């Protein structure tokens, strides 16, 4: 039987695995010459010219959607995974009651509604 702590750990593992495989953040969406469409860029200092790398081209998103993509880059995902992992450990050790908000986040990441 899967426990809430198991669900939290599974979500943390899944999120960390996906975020660590992605281009690091922060991400920006902007127009870059000579391109006319907005591009999703990962801005980080490991590039030779510190200009960032292209994550995906032709970002056809509404401004509100662009804001979400920029805000929730892999660095945020890894921090969220750390939080879920902490919630799982604290729950397992009896330090906290069942964290409804953390469980809701974990279930959304795991694709379950249980």
PDB file of N, CA and C in Angstrom:
ATOM      1  N   UNK A   1       0.835  -1.182   0.000  1.00  0.00           N
ATOM      2  CA  UNK A   1       0.000   0.000   0.000  1.00  0.00           C
ATOM      3  C   UNK A   1       0.882   1.249   0.000  1.00  0.00           C
ATOM      4  N   UNK A   2       0.539   2.185  -0.841  1.00  0.00           N
ATOM      5  CA  UNK A   2       1.291   3.435  -0.936  1.00  0.00           C
ATOM      6  C   UNK A   2       0.836   4.398   0.156  1.00  0.00           C
ATOM      7  N   UNK A   3       1.785   4.904   0.909  1.00  0.00           N
ATOM      8  CA  UNK A   3       1.481   5.852   1.973  1.00  0.00           C
ATOM      9  C   UNK A   3       1.627   7.280   1.438  1.00  0.00           C
ATOM     10  N   UNK A   4       1.070   8.266   2.127  1.00  0.00           N
ATOM     11  CA  UNK A   4       1.298   9.654   1.717  1.00  0.00           C
ATOM     12  C   UNK A   4       2.789  10.002   1.660  1.00  0.00           C
ATOM     13  N   UNK A   5       3.582   9.486   2.584  1.00  0.00           N
ATOM     14  CA  UNK A   5       5.028   9.743   2.550  1.00  0.00           C
ATOM     15  C   UNK A   5       5.648   9.170   1.275  1.00  0.00           C
ATOM     16  N   UNK A   6       5.177   7.996   0.841  1.00  0.00           N
ATOM     17  CA  UNK A   6       5.657   7.402  -0.413  1.00  0.00           C
ATOM     18  C   UNK A   6       5.310   8.304  -1.597  1.00  0.00           C
ATOM     19  N   UNK A   7       4.097   8.838  -1.588  1.00  0.00           N
ATOM     20  CA  UNK A   7       3.671   9.732  -2.669  1.00  0.00           C
ATOM     21  C   UNK A   7       4.538  10.986  -2.714  1.00  0.00           C
ATOM     22  N   UNK A   8       4.846  11.536  -1.551  1.00  0.00           N
ATOM     23  CA  UNK A   8       5.692  12.729  -1.488  1.00  0.00           C
ATOM     24  C   UNK A   8       7.088  12.432  -2.017  1.00  0.00           C
ATOM     25  N   UNK A   9       7.660  11.296  -1.600  1.00  0.00           N
ATOM     26  CA  UNK A   9       9.004  10.909  -2.074  1.00  0.00           C
ATOM     27  C   UNK A   9       9.010  10.653  -3.574  1.00  0.00           C
ATOM     28  N   UNK A  10       7.982   9.977  -4.076  1.00  0.00           N
ATOM     29  CA  UNK A  10       7.912   9.690  -5.519  1.00  0.00           C
ATOM     30  C   UNK A  10       7.855  10.980  -6.325  1.00  0.00           C
ATOM     31  N   UNK A  11       7.069  11.936  -5.850  1.00  0.00           N
ATOM     32  CA  UNK A  11       6.975  13.217  -6.558  1.00  0.00           C
ATOM     33  C   UNK A  11       8.302  13.962  -6.517  1.00  0.00           C
ATOM     34  N   UNK A  12       8.955  13.952  -5.356  1.00  0.00           N
ATOM     35  CA  UNK A  12      10.264  14.610  -5.233  1.00  0.00           C
ATOM     36  C   UNK A  12      11.272  13.981  -6.188  1.00  0.00           C
ATOM     37  N   UNK A  13      11.305  12.660  -6.235  1.00  0.00           N
ATOM     38  CA  UNK A  13      12.234  11.957  -7.128  1.00  0.00           C
ATOM     39  C   UNK A  13      11.959  12.275  -8.588  1.00  0.00           C
ATOM     40  N   UNK A  14      10.690  12.229  -8.975  1.00  0.00           N
ATOM     41  CA  UNK A  14      10.306  12.502 -10.363  1.00  0.00           C
ATOM     42  C   UNK A  14      10.661  13.932 -10.748  1.00  0.00           C
ATOM     43  N   UNK A  15      10.318  14.873  -9.886  1.00  0.00           N
ATOM     44  CA  UNK A  15      10.577  16.283 -10.170  1.00  0.00           C
ATOM     45  C   UNK A  15      12.074  16.556 -10.254  1.00  0.00           C
ATOM     46  N   UNK A  16      12.841  16.021  -9.331  1.00  0.00           N
ATOM     47  CA  UNK A  16      14.291  16.239  -9.333  1.00  0.00           C
ATOM     48  C   UNK A  16      14.922  15.638 -10.592  1.00  0.00           C
ATOM     49  N   UNK A  17      14.497  14.421 -10.966  1.00  0.00           N
ATOM     50  CA  UNK A  17      15.044  13.757 -12.165  1.00  0.00           C
ATOM     51  C   UNK A  17      14.780  14.595 -13.420  1.00  0.00           C
ATOM     52  N   UNK A  18      13.561  15.080 -13.562  1.00  0.00           N
ATOM     53  CA  UNK A  18      13.196  15.869 -14.740  1.00  0.00           C
ATOM     54  C   UNK A  18      13.917  17.212 -14.747  1.00  0.00           C
ATOM     55  N   UNK A  19      13.950  17.887 -13.596  1.00  0.00           N
ATOM     56  CA  UNK A  19      14.584  19.208 -13.525  1.00  0.00           C
ATOM     57  C   UNK A  19      16.087  19.137 -13.723  1.00  0.00           C
ATOM     58  N   UNK A  20      16.718  18.105 -13.189  1.00  0.00           N
ATOM     59  CA  UNK A  20      18.166  17.984 -13.370  1.00  0.00           C
ATOM     60  C   UNK A  20      18.542  17.664 -14.813  1.00  0.00           C
ATOM     61  N   UNK A  21      17.630  17.093 -15.579  1.00  0.00           N
ATOM     62  CA  UNK A  21      17.902  16.793 -16.990  1.00  0.00           C
ATOM     63  C   UNK A  21      17.624  17.998 -17.897  1.00  0.00           C
ATOM     64  N   UNK A  22      16.896  18.987 -17.388  1.00  0.00           N
ATOM     65  CA  UNK A  22      16.526  20.155 -18.191  1.00  0.00           C
ATOM     66  C   UNK A  22      17.641  21.196 -18.194  1.00  0.00           C
ATOM     67  N   UNK A  23      17.551  22.130 -19.133  1.00  0.00           N
ATOM     68  CA  UNK A  23      18.478  23.262 -19.137  1.00  0.00           C
ATOM     69  C   UNK A  23      18.247  24.062 -17.862  1.00  0.00           C
ATOM     70  N   UNK A  24      19.323  24.423 -17.167  1.00  0.00           N
ATOM     71  CA  UNK A  24      19.149  25.139 -15.901  1.00  0.00           C
ATOM     72  C   UNK A  24      18.537  26.525 -16.105  1.00  0.00           C
ATOM     73  N   UNK A  25      17.983  27.049 -15.075  1.00  0.00           N
ATOM     74  CA  UNK A  25      17.364  28.363 -15.136  1.00  0.00           C
ATOM     75  C   UNK A  25      18.294  29.417 -14.589  1.00  0.00           C
ATOM     76  N   UNK A  26      17.842  30.626 -14.457  1.00  0.00           N
ATOM     77  CA  UNK A  26      16.461  30.992 -14.774  1.00  0.00           C
ATOM     78  C   UNK A  26      16.226  31.045 -16.275  1.00  0.00           C
ATOM     79  N   UNK A  27      14.971  30.929 -16.637  1.00  0.00           N
ATOM     80  CA  UNK A  27      14.589  30.996 -18.040  1.00  0.00           C
ATOM     81  C   UNK A  27      13.991  32.351 -18.339  1.00  0.00           C
ATOM     82  N   UNK A  28      14.163  32.786 -19.567  1.00  0.00           N
ATOM     83  CA  UNK A  28      13.534  34.021 -20.031  1.00  0.00           C
ATOM     84  C   UNK A  28      12.891  33.746 -21.380  1.00  0.00           C
ATOM     85  N   UNK A  29      11.880  34.512 -21.676  1.00  0.00           N
ATOM     86  CA  UNK A  29      11.256  34.457 -22.999  1.00  0.00           C
ATOM     87  C   UNK A  29      11.383  35.844 -23.586  1.00  0.00           C
ATOM     88  N   UNK A  30      12.063  35.909 -24.703  1.00  0.00           N
ATOM     89  CA  UNK A  30      12.274  37.211 -25.323  1.00  0.00           C
ATOM     90  C   UNK A  30      12.560  37.040 -26.811  1.00  0.00           C
ATOM     91  N   UNK A  31      12.509  38.150 -27.491  1.00  0.00           N
ATOM     92  CA  UNK A  31      12.870  38.140 -28.908  1.00  0.00           C
ATOM     93  C   UNK A  31      14.363  38.393 -29.018  1.00  0.00           C
ATOM     94  N   UNK A  32      15.003  37.567 -29.823  1.00  0.00           N
ATOM     95  CA  UNK A  32      16.438  37.649 -30.008  1.00  0.00           C
ATOM     96  C   UNK A  32      16.698  37.829 -31.493  1.00  0.00           C
ATOM     97  N   UNK A  33      17.436  38.849 -31.843  1.00  0.00           N
ATOM     98  CA  UNK A  33      17.767  39.109 -33.248  1.00  0.00           C
ATOM     99  C   UNK A  33      18.602  37.946 -33.775  1.00  0.00           C
ATOM    100  N   UNK A  34      18.380  37.468 -34.935  1.00  0.00           N
ATOM    101  CA  UNK A  34      17.516  37.952 -36.006  1.00  0.00           C
ATOM    102  C   UNK A  34      16.125  37.314 -36.001  1.00  0.00           C
ATOM    103  N   UNK A  35      15.772  36.582 -34.959  1.00  0.00           N
ATOM    104  CA  UNK A  35      14.491  35.881 -34.928  1.00  0.00           C
ATOM    105  C   UNK A  35      13.356  36.845 -34.624  1.00  0.00           C
ATOM    106  N   UNK A  36      12.199  36.574 -35.202  1.00  0.00           N
ATOM    107  CA  UNK A  36      11.043  37.442 -34.977  1.00  0.00           C
ATOM    108  C   UNK A  36      10.085  36.870 -33.940  1.00  0.00           C
ATOM    109  N   UNK A  37      10.156  35.561 -33.700  1.00  0.00           N
ATOM    110  CA  UNK A  37       9.284  34.939 -32.706  1.00  0.00           C
ATOM    111  C   UNK A  37       9.985  34.907 -31.350  1.00  0.00           C
ATOM    112  N   UNK A  38       9.212  34.942 -30.262  1.00  0.00           N
ATOM    113  CA  UNK A  38       9.830  34.822 -28.933  1.00  0.00           C
ATOM    114  C   UNK A  38      10.510  33.461 -28.780  1.00  0.00           C
ATOM    115  N   UNK A  39      11.635  33.460 -28.080  1.00  0.00           N
ATOM    116  CA  UNK A  39      12.394  32.240 -27.837  1.00  0.00           C
ATOM    117  C   UNK A  39      12.515  32.023 -26.335  1.00  0.00           C
ATOM    118  N   UNK A  40      12.464  30.767 -25.912  1.00  0.00           N
ATOM    119  CA  UNK A  40      12.681  30.424 -24.514  1.00  0.00           C
ATOM    120  C   UNK A  40      14.171  30.182 -24.335  1.00  0.00           C
ATOM    121  N   UNK A  41      14.785  30.978 -23.472  1.00  0.00           N
ATOM    122  CA  UNK A  41      16.225  30.907 -23.254  1.00  0.00           C
ATOM    123  C   UNK A  41      16.518  30.515 -21.816  1.00  0.00           C
ATOM    124  N   UNK A  42      17.594  29.762 -21.621  1.00  0.00           N
ATOM    125  CA  UNK A  42      18.089  29.462 -20.285  1.00  0.00           C
ATOM    126  C   UNK A  42      19.299  30.348 -20.063  1.00  0.00           C
ATOM    127  N   UNK A  43      19.202  31.213 -19.096  1.00  0.00           N
ATOM    128  CA  UNK A  43      20.314  32.123 -18.803  1.00  0.00           C
ATOM    129  C   UNK A  43      21.091  31.586 -17.609  1.00  0.00           C
ATOM    130  N   UNK A  44      22.299  31.159 -17.856  1.00  0.00           N
ATOM    131  CA  UNK A  44      23.152  30.693 -16.772  1.00  0.00           C
ATOM    132  C   UNK A  44      24.591  30.915 -17.163  1.00  0.00           C
ATOM    133  N   UNK A  45      25.472  30.965 -16.193  1.00  0.00           N
ATOM    134  CA  UNK A  45      26.838  31.416 -16.416  1.00  0.00           C
ATOM    135  C   UNK A  45      27.795  30.355 -16.940  1.00  0.00           C
ATOM    136  N   UNK A  46      27.319  29.135 -17.149  1.00  0.00           N
ATOM    137  CA  UNK A  46      28.222  28.095 -17.636  1.00  0.00           C
ATOM    138  C   UNK A  46      28.472  28.177 -19.143  1.00  0.00           C
ATOM    139  N   UNK A  47      27.742  29.051 -19.837  1.00  0.00           N
ATOM    140  CA  UNK A  47      27.980  29.179 -21.270  1.00  0.00           C
ATOM    141  C   UNK A  47      29.222  30.038 -21.481  1.00  0.00           C
ATOM    142  N   UNK A  48      29.965  29.781 -22.554  1.00  0.00           N
ATOM    143  CA  UNK A  48      31.219  30.515 -22.772  1.00  0.00           C
ATOM    144  C   UNK A  48      31.047  32.035 -22.793  1.00  0.00           C
ATOM    145  N   UNK A  49      29.958  32.516 -23.348  1.00  0.00           N
ATOM    146  CA  UNK A  49      29.771  33.962 -23.450  1.00  0.00           C
ATOM    147  C   UNK A  49      28.758  34.503 -22.443  1.00  0.00           C
ATOM    148  N   UNK A  50      28.308  33.647 -21.521  1.00  0.00           N
ATOM    149  CA  UNK A  50      27.310  34.013 -20.509  1.00  0.00           C
ATOM    150  C   UNK A  50      26.030  34.554 -21.116  1.00  0.00           C
ATOM    151  N   UNK A  51      25.774  34.187 -22.352  1.00  0.00           N
ATOM    152  CA  UNK A  51      24.567  34.656 -23.028  1.00  0.00           C
ATOM    153  C   UNK A  51      23.402  33.690 -22.883  1.00  0.00           C
ATOM    154  N   UNK A  52      23.641  32.502 -22.357  1.00  0.00           N
ATOM    155  CA  UNK A  52      22.564  31.535 -22.212  1.00  0.00           C
ATOM    156  C   UNK A  52      22.457  30.628 -23.421  1.00  0.00           C
ATOM    157  N   UNK A  53      21.540  29.692 -23.333  1.00  0.00           N
ATOM    158  CA  UNK A  53      21.327  28.751 -24.422  1.00  0.00           C
ATOM    159  C   UNK A  53      19.852  28.703 -24.764  1.00  0.00           C
ATOM    160  N   UNK A  54      19.587  28.379 -25.994  1.00  0.00           N
ATOM    161  CA  UNK A  54      18.213  28.250 -26.455  1.00  0.00           C
ATOM    162  C   UNK A  54      17.618  26.964 -25.904  1.00  0.00           C
ATOM    163  N   UNK A  55      16.485  27.085 -25.238  1.00  0.00           N
ATOM    164  CA  UNK A  55      15.777  25.915 -24.746  1.00  0.00           C
ATOM    165  C   UNK A  55      14.793  25.455 -25.806  1.00  0.00           C
ATOM    166  N   UNK A  56      14.002  26.361 -26.325  1.00  0.00           N
ATOM    167  CA  UNK A  56      13.053  26.042 -27.387  1.00  0.00           C
ATOM    168  C   UNK A  56      12.767  27.315 -28.175  1.00  0.00           C
ATOM    169  N   UNK A  57      12.606  27.173 -29.448  1.00  0.00           N
ATOM    170  CA  UNK A  57      12.302  28.314 -30.289  1.00  0.00           C
ATOM    171  C   UNK A  57      10.815  28.473 -30.521  1.00  0.00           C
ATOM    172  N   UNK A  58      10.437  29.604 -31.063  1.00  0.00           N
ATOM    173  CA  UNK A  58       9.058  29.900 -31.450  1.00  0.00           C
ATOM    174  C   UNK A  58       8.070  29.605 -30.321  1.00  0.00           C
ATOM    175  N   UNK A  59       8.189  30.342 -29.245  1.00  0.00           N
ATOM    176  CA  UNK A  59       7.313  30.181 -28.097  1.00  0.00           C
ATOM    177  C   UNK A  59       6.024  30.950 -28.366  1.00  0.00           C
ATOM    178  N   UNK A  60       4.997  30.218 -28.739  1.00  0.00           N
ATOM    179  CA  UNK A  60       3.718  30.832 -29.067  1.00  0.00           C
ATOM    180  C   UNK A  60       2.797  30.729 -27.851  1.00  0.00           C
ATOM    181  N   UNK A  61       3.079  31.538 -26.837  1.00  0.00           N
ATOM    182  CA  UNK A  61       2.321  31.516 -25.602  1.00  0.00           C
ATOM    183  C   UNK A  61       1.786  32.910 -25.281  1.00  0.00           C
ATOM    184  N   UNK A  62       0.669  32.929 -24.592  1.00  0.00           N
ATOM    185  CA  UNK A  62       0.138  34.194 -24.102  1.00  0.00           C
ATOM    186  C   UNK A  62       1.093  34.730 -23.034  1.00  0.00           C
ATOM    187  N   UNK A  63       1.112  36.035 -22.801  1.00  0.00           N
ATOM    188  CA  UNK A  63       2.021  36.605 -21.800  1.00  0.00           C
ATOM    189  C   UNK A  63       1.897  35.962 -20.419  1.00  0.00           C
ATOM    190  N   UNK A  64       0.688  35.625 -20.006  1.00  0.00           N
ATOM    191  CA  UNK A  64       0.503  34.996 -18.699  1.00  0.00           C
ATOM    192  C   UNK A  64       1.158  33.618 -18.651  1.00  0.00           C
ATOM    193  N   UNK A  65       1.055  32.875 -19.753  1.00  0.00           N
ATOM    194  CA  UNK A  65       1.688  31.558 -19.831  1.00  0.00           C
ATOM    195  C   UNK A  65       3.207  31.689 -19.852  1.00  0.00           C
ATOM    196  N   UNK A  66       3.707  32.699 -20.556  1.00  0.00           N
ATOM    197  CA  UNK A  66       5.144  32.954 -20.582  1.00  0.00           C
ATOM    198  C   UNK A  66       5.662  33.238 -19.176  1.00  0.00           C
ATOM    199  N   UNK A  67       4.895  33.983 -18.401  1.00  0.00           N
ATOM    200  CA  UNK A  67       5.300  34.316 -17.036  1.00  0.00           C
ATOM    201  C   UNK A  67       5.408  33.051 -16.180  1.00  0.00           C
ATOM    202  N   UNK A  68       4.483  32.117 -16.362  1.00  0.00           N
ATOM    203  CA  UNK A  68       4.531  30.860 -15.604  1.00  0.00           C
ATOM    204  C   UNK A  68       5.769  30.059 -15.991  1.00  0.00           C
ATOM    205  N   UNK A  69       6.054  29.952 -17.272  1.00  0.00           N
ATOM    206  CA  UNK A  69       7.215  29.191 -17.743  1.00  0.00           C
ATOM    207  C   UNK A  69       8.499  29.794 -17.189  1.00  0.00           C
ATOM    208  N   UNK A  70       8.612  31.116 -17.229  1.00  0.00           N
ATOM    209  CA  UNK A  70       9.813  31.777 -16.717  1.00  0.00           C
ATOM    210  C   UNK A  70       9.957  31.582 -15.209  1.00  0.00           C
ATOM    211  N   UNK A  71       8.852  31.650 -14.489  1.00  0.00           N
ATOM    212  CA  UNK A  71       8.868  31.545 -13.037  1.00  0.00           C
ATOM    213  C   UNK A  71       9.209  30.142 -12.558  1.00  0.00           C
ATOM    214  N   UNK A  72       8.683  29.126 -13.228  1.00  0.00           N
ATOM    215  CA  UNK A  72       8.826  27.747 -12.753  1.00  0.00           C
ATOM    216  C   UNK A  72       9.918  26.990 -13.500  1.00  0.00           C
ATOM    217  N   UNK A  73      11.094  27.566 -13.559  1.00  0.00           N
ATOM    218  CA  UNK A  73      12.235  26.926 -14.220  1.00  0.00           C
ATOM    219  C   UNK A  73      12.779  25.783 -13.357  1.00  0.00           C
ATOM    220  N   UNK A  74      13.724  24.989 -13.874  1.00  0.00           N
ATOM    221  CA  UNK A  74      14.224  23.827 -13.135  1.00  0.00           C
ATOM    222  C   UNK A  74      14.774  24.122 -11.737  1.00  0.00           C
ATOM    223  N   UNK A  75      15.334  25.287 -11.528  1.00  0.00           N
ATOM    224  CA  UNK A  75      15.824  25.618 -10.190  1.00  0.00           C
ATOM    225  C   UNK A  75      14.698  25.648  -9.170  1.00  0.00           C
ATOM    226  N   UNK A  76      13.553  26.146  -9.569  1.00  0.00           N
ATOM    227  CA  UNK A  76      12.377  26.154  -8.701  1.00  0.00           C
ATOM    228  C   UNK A  76      11.901  24.715  -8.480  1.00  0.00           C
ATOM    229  N   UNK A  77      11.941  23.927  -9.526  1.00  0.00           N
ATOM    230  CA  UNK A  77      11.522  22.533  -9.410  1.00  0.00           C
ATOM    231  C   UNK A  77      12.383  21.744  -8.437  1.00  0.00           C
ATOM    232  N   UNK A  78      13.687  21.965  -8.460  1.00  0.00           N
ATOM    233  CA  UNK A  78      14.582  21.267  -7.540  1.00  0.00           C
ATOM    234  C   UNK A  78      14.305  21.716  -6.098  1.00  0.00           C
ATOM    235  N   UNK A  79      14.078  23.000  -5.893  1.00  0.00           N
ATOM    236  CA  UNK A  79      13.734  23.494  -4.551  1.00  0.00           C
ATOM    237  C   UNK A  79      12.414  22.881  -4.077  1.00  0.00           C
ATOM    238  N   UNK A  80      11.462  22.759  -4.974  1.00  0.00           N
ATOM    239  CA  UNK A  80      10.184  22.139  -4.638  1.00  0.00           C
ATOM    240  C   UNK A  80      10.376  20.657  -4.304  1.00  0.00           C
ATOM    241  N   UNK A  81      11.246  19.982  -5.041  1.00  0.00           N
ATOM    242  CA  UNK A  81      11.553  18.576  -4.743  1.00  0.00           C
ATOM    243  C   UNK A  81      12.173  18.441  -3.352  1.00  0.00           C
ATOM    244  N   UNK A  82      13.073  19.365  -3.008  1.00  0.00           N
ATOM    245  CA  UNK A  82      13.669  19.354  -1.666  1.00  0.00           C
ATOM    246  C   UNK A  82      12.588  19.504  -0.594  1.00  0.00           C
ATOM    247  N   UNK A  83      11.638  20.394  -0.816  1.00  0.00           N
ATOM    248  CA  UNK A  83      10.543  20.628   0.130  1.00  0.00           C
ATOM    249  C   UNK A  83       9.675  19.380   0.273  1.00  0.00           C
ATOM    250  N   UNK A  84       9.339  18.754  -0.846  1.00  0.00           N
ATOM    251  CA  UNK A  84       8.533  17.532  -0.792  1.00  0.00           C
ATOM    252  C   UNK A  84       9.264  16.425  -0.040  1.00  0.00           C
ATOM    253  N   UNK A  85      10.563  16.318  -0.279  1.00  0.00           N
ATOM    254  CA  UNK A  85      11.366  15.309   0.404  1.00  0.00           C
ATOM    255  C   UNK A  85      11.388  15.584   1.915  1.00  0.00           C
ATOM    256  N   UNK A  86      11.539  16.853   2.299  1.00  0.00           N
ATOM    257  CA  UNK A  86      11.508  17.217   3.713  1.00  0.00           C
ATOM    258  C   UNK A  86      10.154  16.881   4.330  1.00  0.00           C
ATOM    259  N   UNK A  87       9.078  17.193   3.603  1.00  0.00           N
ATOM    260  CA  UNK A  87       7.733  16.883   4.091  1.00  0.00           C
ATOM    261  C   UNK A  87       7.582  15.381   4.315  1.00  0.00           C
ATOM    262  N   UNK A  88       8.093  14.591   3.390  1.00  0.00           N
ATOM    263  CA  UNK A  88       8.006  13.133   3.510  1.00  0.00           C
ATOM    264  C   UNK A  88       8.756  12.634   4.738  1.00  0.00           C
ATOM    265  N   UNK A  89       9.974  13.126   4.922  1.00  0.00           N
ATOM    266  CA  UNK A  89      10.779  12.701   6.066  1.00  0.00           C
ATOM    267  C   UNK A  89      10.124  13.129   7.378  1.00  0.00           C
ATOM    268  N   UNK A  90       9.637  14.358   7.446  1.00  0.00           N
ATOM    269  CA  UNK A  90       9.000  14.851   8.672  1.00  0.00           C
ATOM    270  C   UNK A  90       7.731  14.063   8.985  1.00  0.00           C
ATOM    271  N   UNK A  91       6.990  13.700   7.944  1.00  0.00           N
ATOM    272  CA  UNK A  91       5.778  12.901   8.142  1.00  0.00           C
ATOM    273  C   UNK A  91       6.143  11.502   8.642  1.00  0.00           C
ATOM    274  N   UNK A  92       7.131  10.880   8.007  1.00  0.00           N
ATOM    275  CA  UNK A  92       7.566   9.537   8.381  1.00  0.00           C
ATOM    276  C   UNK A  92       8.072   9.494   9.818  1.00  0.00           C
ATOM    277  N   UNK A  93       8.779  10.539  10.227  1.00  0.00           N
ATOM    278  CA  UNK A  93       9.358  10.587  11.572  1.00  0.00           C
ATOM    279  C   UNK A  93       8.361  11.072  12.627  1.00  0.00           C
ATOM    280  N   UNK A  94       7.147  11.422  12.209  1.00  0.00           N
ATOM    281  CA  UNK A  94       6.126  11.840  13.151  1.00  0.00           C
ATOM    282  C   UNK A  94       6.239  13.267  13.637  1.00  0.00           C
ATOM    283  N   UNK A  95       7.016  14.092  12.926  1.00  0.00           N
ATOM    284  CA  UNK A  95       7.196  15.487  13.336  1.00  0.00           C
ATOM    285  C   UNK A  95       6.053  16.396  12.890  1.00  0.00           C
ATOM    286  N   UNK A  96       5.331  15.980  11.863  1.00  0.00           N
ATOM    287  CA  UNK A  96       4.228  16.796  11.346  1.00  0.00           C
ATOM    288  C   UNK A  96       3.031  15.890  11.057  1.00  0.00           C
ATOM    289  N   UNK A  97       1.859  16.520  11.011  1.00  0.00           N
ATOM    290  CA  UNK A  97       0.654  15.816  10.580  1.00  0.00           C
ATOM    291  C   UNK A  97       0.669  15.736   9.062  1.00  0.00           C
ATOM    292  N   UNK A  98      -0.280  15.013   8.503  1.00  0.00           N
ATOM    293  CA  UNK A  98      -0.357  14.880   7.050  1.00  0.00           C
ATOM    294  C   UNK A  98      -0.435  16.266   6.404  1.00  0.00           C
ATOM    295  N   UNK A  99       0.560  16.634   5.585  1.00  0.00           N
ATOM    296  CA  UNK A  99       0.591  17.961   4.956  1.00  0.00           C
ATOM    297  C   UNK A  99      -0.283  17.989   3.697  1.00  0.00           C
ATOM    298  N   UNK A 100      -1.527  18.468   3.842  1.00  0.00           N
ATOM    299  CA  UNK A 100      -2.474  18.455   2.727  1.00  0.00           C
ATOM    300  C   UNK A 100      -1.947  19.186   1.494  1.00  0.00           C
ATOM    301  N   UNK A 101      -1.338  20.352   1.687  1.00  0.00           N
ATOM    302  CA  UNK A 101      -0.844  21.125   0.536  1.00  0.00           C
ATOM    303  C   UNK A 101       0.275  20.370  -0.173  1.00  0.00           C
ATOM    304  N   UNK A 102       1.197  19.825   0.580  1.00  0.00           N
ATOM    305  CA  UNK A 102       2.304  19.070  -0.027  1.00  0.00           C
ATOM    306  C   UNK A 102       1.790  17.828  -0.734  1.00  0.00           C
ATOM    307  N   UNK A 103       0.820  17.173  -0.149  1.00  0.00           N
ATOM    308  CA  UNK A 103       0.250  15.980  -0.776  1.00  0.00           C
ATOM    309  C   UNK A 103      -0.472  16.337  -2.076  1.00  0.00           C
ATOM    310  N   UNK A 104      -1.156  17.476  -2.098  1.00  0.00           N
ATOM    311  CA  UNK A 104      -1.821  17.929  -3.328  1.00  0.00           C
ATOM    312  C   UNK A 104      -0.800  18.207  -4.425  1.00  0.00           C
ATOM    313  N   UNK A 105       0.307  18.833  -4.068  1.00  0.00           N
ATOM    314  CA  UNK A 105       1.373  19.102  -5.042  1.00  0.00           C
ATOM    315  C   UNK A 105       1.951  17.783  -5.540  1.00  0.00           C
ATOM    316  N   UNK A 106       2.230  16.861  -4.631  1.00  0.00           N
ATOM    317  CA  UNK A 106       2.796  15.562  -5.011  1.00  0.00           C
ATOM    318  C   UNK A 106       1.871  14.816  -5.953  1.00  0.00           C
ATOM    319  N   UNK A 107       0.594  14.829  -5.649  1.00  0.00           N
ATOM    320  CA  UNK A 107      -0.356  14.115  -6.510  1.00  0.00           C
ATOM    321  C   UNK A 107      -0.470  14.761  -7.881  1.00  0.00           C
ATOM    322  N   UNK A 108      -0.365  16.070  -7.945  1.00  0.00           N
ATOM    323  CA  UNK A 108      -0.387  16.735  -9.254  1.00  0.00           C
ATOM    324  C   UNK A 108       0.853  16.334 -10.065  1.00  0.00           C
ATOM    325  N   UNK A 109       1.997  16.274  -9.423  1.00  0.00           N
ATOM    326  CA  UNK A 109       3.235  15.877 -10.108  1.00  0.00           C
ATOM    327  C   UNK A 109       3.179  14.415 -10.526  1.00  0.00           C
ATOM    328  N   UNK A 110       2.633  13.580  -9.648  1.00  0.00           N
ATOM    329  CA  UNK A 110       2.546  12.140  -9.938  1.00  0.00           C
ATOM    330  C   UNK A 110       1.407  11.794 -10.897  1.00  0.00           C
ATOM    331  N   UNK A 111       0.535  12.745 -11.173  1.00  0.00           N
ATOM    332  CA  UNK A 111      -0.576  12.495 -12.091  1.00  0.00           C
ATOM    333  C   UNK A 111      -1.681  11.676 -11.469  1.00  0.00           C
ATOM    334  N   UNK A 112      -1.856  11.792 -10.144  1.00  0.00           N
ATOM    335  CA  UNK A 112      -2.922  11.041  -9.489  1.00  0.00           C
ATOM    336  C   UNK A 112      -3.809  11.988  -8.709  1.00  0.00           C
ATOM    337  N   UNK A 113      -5.006  11.546  -8.418  1.00  0.00           N
ATOM    338  CA  UNK A 113      -5.949  12.356  -7.652  1.00  0.00           C
ATOM    339  C   UNK A 113      -6.331  11.684  -6.354  1.00  0.00           C
ATOM    340  N   UNK A 114      -5.884  10.502  -6.183  1.00  0.00           N
ATOM    341  CA  UNK A 114      -6.173   9.637  -5.037  1.00  0.00           C
ATOM    342  C   UNK A 114      -6.495  10.347  -3.806  1.00  0.00           C
TER     343      UNK A 114
END
